C-alpha atoms as a PDB file:
ATOM      1  CA  MET A   1      38.299  -2.744 -23.018  1.00  0.00           C
ATOM      2  CA  GLU A   2      36.101  -2.425 -26.078  1.00  0.00           C
ATOM      3  CA  GLY A   3      33.512   0.187 -26.954  1.00  0.00           C
ATOM      4  CA  ARG A   4      34.573   3.004 -24.642  1.00  0.00           C
ATOM      5  CA  GLU A   5      34.426   5.435 -27.552  1.00  0.00           C
ATOM      6  CA  ARG A   6      30.682   4.747 -27.922  1.00  0.00           C
ATOM      7  CA  VAL A   7      29.854   6.197 -24.503  1.00  0.00           C
ATOM      8  CA  THR A   8      28.352   9.525 -25.483  1.00  0.00           C
ATOM      9  CA  GLU A   9      25.640  10.087 -22.880  1.00  0.00           C
ATOM     10  CA  LEU A  10      25.424   9.664 -19.135  1.00  0.00           C
ATOM     11  CA  PRO A  11      24.037   8.080 -17.076  1.00  0.00           C
ATOM     12  CA  CYS A  12      24.605   4.693 -18.614  1.00  0.00           C
ATOM     13  CA  VAL A  13      25.021   1.069 -17.612  1.00  0.00           C
ATOM     14  CA  PHE A  14      28.238  -0.875 -18.102  1.00  0.00           C
ATOM     15  CA  VAL A  15      28.122  -4.660 -17.990  1.00  0.00           C
ATOM     16  CA  ALA A  16      31.256  -6.654 -17.301  1.00  0.00           C
ATOM     17  CA  ASN A  17      31.855 -10.314 -16.696  1.00  0.00           C
ATOM     18  CA  HIS A  18      34.915 -10.277 -14.504  1.00  0.00           C
ATOM     19  CA  ILE A  19      37.155 -13.167 -13.565  1.00  0.00           C
ATOM     20  CA  SER A  20      39.155 -11.712 -10.696  1.00  0.00           C
ATOM     21  CA  VAL A  21      39.300  -8.686  -8.417  1.00  0.00           C
ATOM     22  CA  ILE A  22      41.936  -7.218 -10.753  1.00  0.00           C
ATOM     23  CA  ASP A  23      39.228  -6.791 -13.390  1.00  0.00           C
ATOM     24  CA  ILE A  24      37.360  -4.425 -11.079  1.00  0.00           C
ATOM     25  CA  TRP A  25      40.388  -2.155 -10.747  1.00  0.00           C
ATOM     26  CA  ALA A  26      40.885  -2.239 -14.527  1.00  0.00           C
ATOM     27  CA  LEU A  27      37.298  -1.062 -14.997  1.00  0.00           C
ATOM     28  CA  VAL A  28      37.732   1.787 -12.540  1.00  0.00           C
ATOM     29  CA  VAL A  29      40.829   2.973 -14.393  1.00  0.00           C
ATOM     30  CA  HIS A  30      39.399   2.707 -17.912  1.00  0.00           C
ATOM     31  CA  LEU A  31      35.758   3.744 -17.574  1.00  0.00           C
ATOM     32  CA  PRO A  32      34.973   7.386 -18.363  1.00  0.00           C
ATOM     33  CA  VAL A  33      33.036   7.734 -15.080  1.00  0.00           C
ATOM     34  CA  ILE A  34      33.366   6.532 -11.492  1.00  0.00           C
ATOM     35  CA  PRO A  35      31.108   3.471 -11.480  1.00  0.00           C
ATOM     36  CA  LYS A  36      28.705   2.097  -8.920  1.00  0.00           C
ATOM     37  CA  PHE A  37      29.075  -1.652  -8.658  1.00  0.00           C
ATOM     38  CA  ILE A  38      26.530  -4.332  -7.871  1.00  0.00           C
ATOM     39  CA  MET A  39      27.984  -6.565  -5.192  1.00  0.00           C
ATOM     40  CA  LYS A  40      26.877  -9.494  -3.101  1.00  0.00           C
ATOM     41  CA  LYS A  41      26.036  -8.602   0.502  1.00  0.00           C
ATOM     42  CA  GLU A  42      28.645 -11.003   1.863  1.00  0.00           C
ATOM     43  CA  LEU A  43      31.340  -8.586   0.716  1.00  0.00           C
ATOM     44  CA  LEU A  44      30.092  -6.028   3.230  1.00  0.00           C
ATOM     45  CA  ARG A  45      31.694  -8.156   5.951  1.00  0.00           C
ATOM     46  CA  VAL A  46      35.176  -7.704   4.476  1.00  0.00           C
ATOM     47  CA  PRO A  47      37.085  -5.188   6.613  1.00  0.00           C
ATOM     48  CA  ILE A  48      37.552  -1.814   4.946  1.00  0.00           C
ATOM     49  CA  LEU A  49      35.886  -2.980   1.703  1.00  0.00           C
ATOM     50  CA  GLY A  50      32.444  -3.169   3.326  1.00  0.00           C
ATOM     51  CA  ALA A  51      32.637   0.307   4.843  1.00  0.00           C
ATOM     52  CA  ALA A  52      34.045   1.781   1.635  1.00  0.00           C
ATOM     53  CA  ALA A  53      31.312   0.146  -0.467  1.00  0.00           C
ATOM     54  CA  ARG A  54      28.578   1.544   1.761  1.00  0.00           C
ATOM     55  CA  GLU A  55      30.118   5.012   1.698  1.00  0.00           C
ATOM     56  CA  ALA A  56      30.494   4.940  -2.100  1.00  0.00           C
ATOM     57  CA  GLY A  57      26.857   3.931  -2.587  1.00  0.00           C
ATOM     58  CA  HIS A  58      27.441   0.637  -4.346  1.00  0.00           C
ATOM     59  CA  ILE A  59      24.371  -1.568  -4.858  1.00  0.00           C
ATOM     60  CA  VAL A  60      24.206  -4.542  -2.506  1.00  0.00           C
ATOM     61  CA  ILE A  61      22.354  -7.692  -3.533  1.00  0.00           C
ATOM     62  CA  ASP A  62      21.133 -10.396  -1.178  1.00  0.00           C
ATOM     63  CA  ARG A  63      21.382 -13.391  -3.473  1.00  0.00           C
ATOM     64  CA  GLN A  64      19.671 -15.634  -0.910  1.00  0.00           C
ATOM     65  CA  ARG A  65      16.484 -13.520  -0.888  1.00  0.00           C
ATOM     66  CA  LEU A  66      15.331 -13.094  -4.457  1.00  0.00           C
ATOM     67  CA  PRO A  67      12.615 -10.459  -3.760  1.00  0.00           C
ATOM     68  CA  ALA A  68      15.167  -8.327  -1.896  1.00  0.00           C
ATOM     69  CA  ALA A  69      17.623  -8.707  -4.773  1.00  0.00           C
ATOM     70  CA  PHE A  70      15.054  -7.495  -7.293  1.00  0.00           C
ATOM     71  CA  GLU A  71      14.169  -4.562  -5.026  1.00  0.00           C
ATOM     72  CA  ALA A  72      17.857  -3.587  -4.984  1.00  0.00           C
ATOM     73  CA  TYR A  73      17.837  -3.634  -8.792  1.00  0.00           C
ATOM     74  CA  GLU A  74      14.748  -1.396  -8.792  1.00  0.00           C
ATOM     75  CA  GLN A  75      16.477   1.080  -6.473  1.00  0.00           C
ATOM     76  CA  ALA A  76      19.558   1.010  -8.703  1.00  0.00           C
ATOM     77  CA  ALA A  77      17.398   1.727 -11.769  1.00  0.00           C
ATOM     78  CA  LYS A  78      15.861   4.732  -9.994  1.00  0.00           C
ATOM     79  CA  GLY A  79      19.344   6.016  -9.187  1.00  0.00           C
ATOM     80  CA  ILE A  80      20.435   5.625 -12.797  1.00  0.00           C
ATOM     81  CA  ARG A  81      17.381   7.545 -13.997  1.00  0.00           C
ATOM     82  CA  ARG A  82      18.227  10.344 -11.513  1.00  0.00           C
ATOM     83  CA  GLY A  83      21.800  10.368 -12.751  1.00  0.00           C
ATOM     84  CA  SER A  84      23.258   9.335  -9.404  1.00  0.00           C
END
C-alpha cells in the first residue's frame, strides 16, 4: 500500500483497483479507518456477505440501471460530506 502516510484528514475517499477478494481484506487491515465499499448489487445475494454489507452501510450499485447507480454515488457523496 502506498500513500497511507498522506492521509491527514477524514473523511476521505480511497480508490483501489483490486484483482481478488484478498485485496479487500488487505485494504481493511491497512487503511487507517474502517472503509465503506462500493459493491455491485449482485453481491447482496451471497449468504452472510449480503446481510453484513447491508448492516455495515456499504454502497450498493445497480450496474444495469445507470440512473440508479449515479443516485447511489450521490448518496455516498452526501455520506462522505457528513463524515459517515
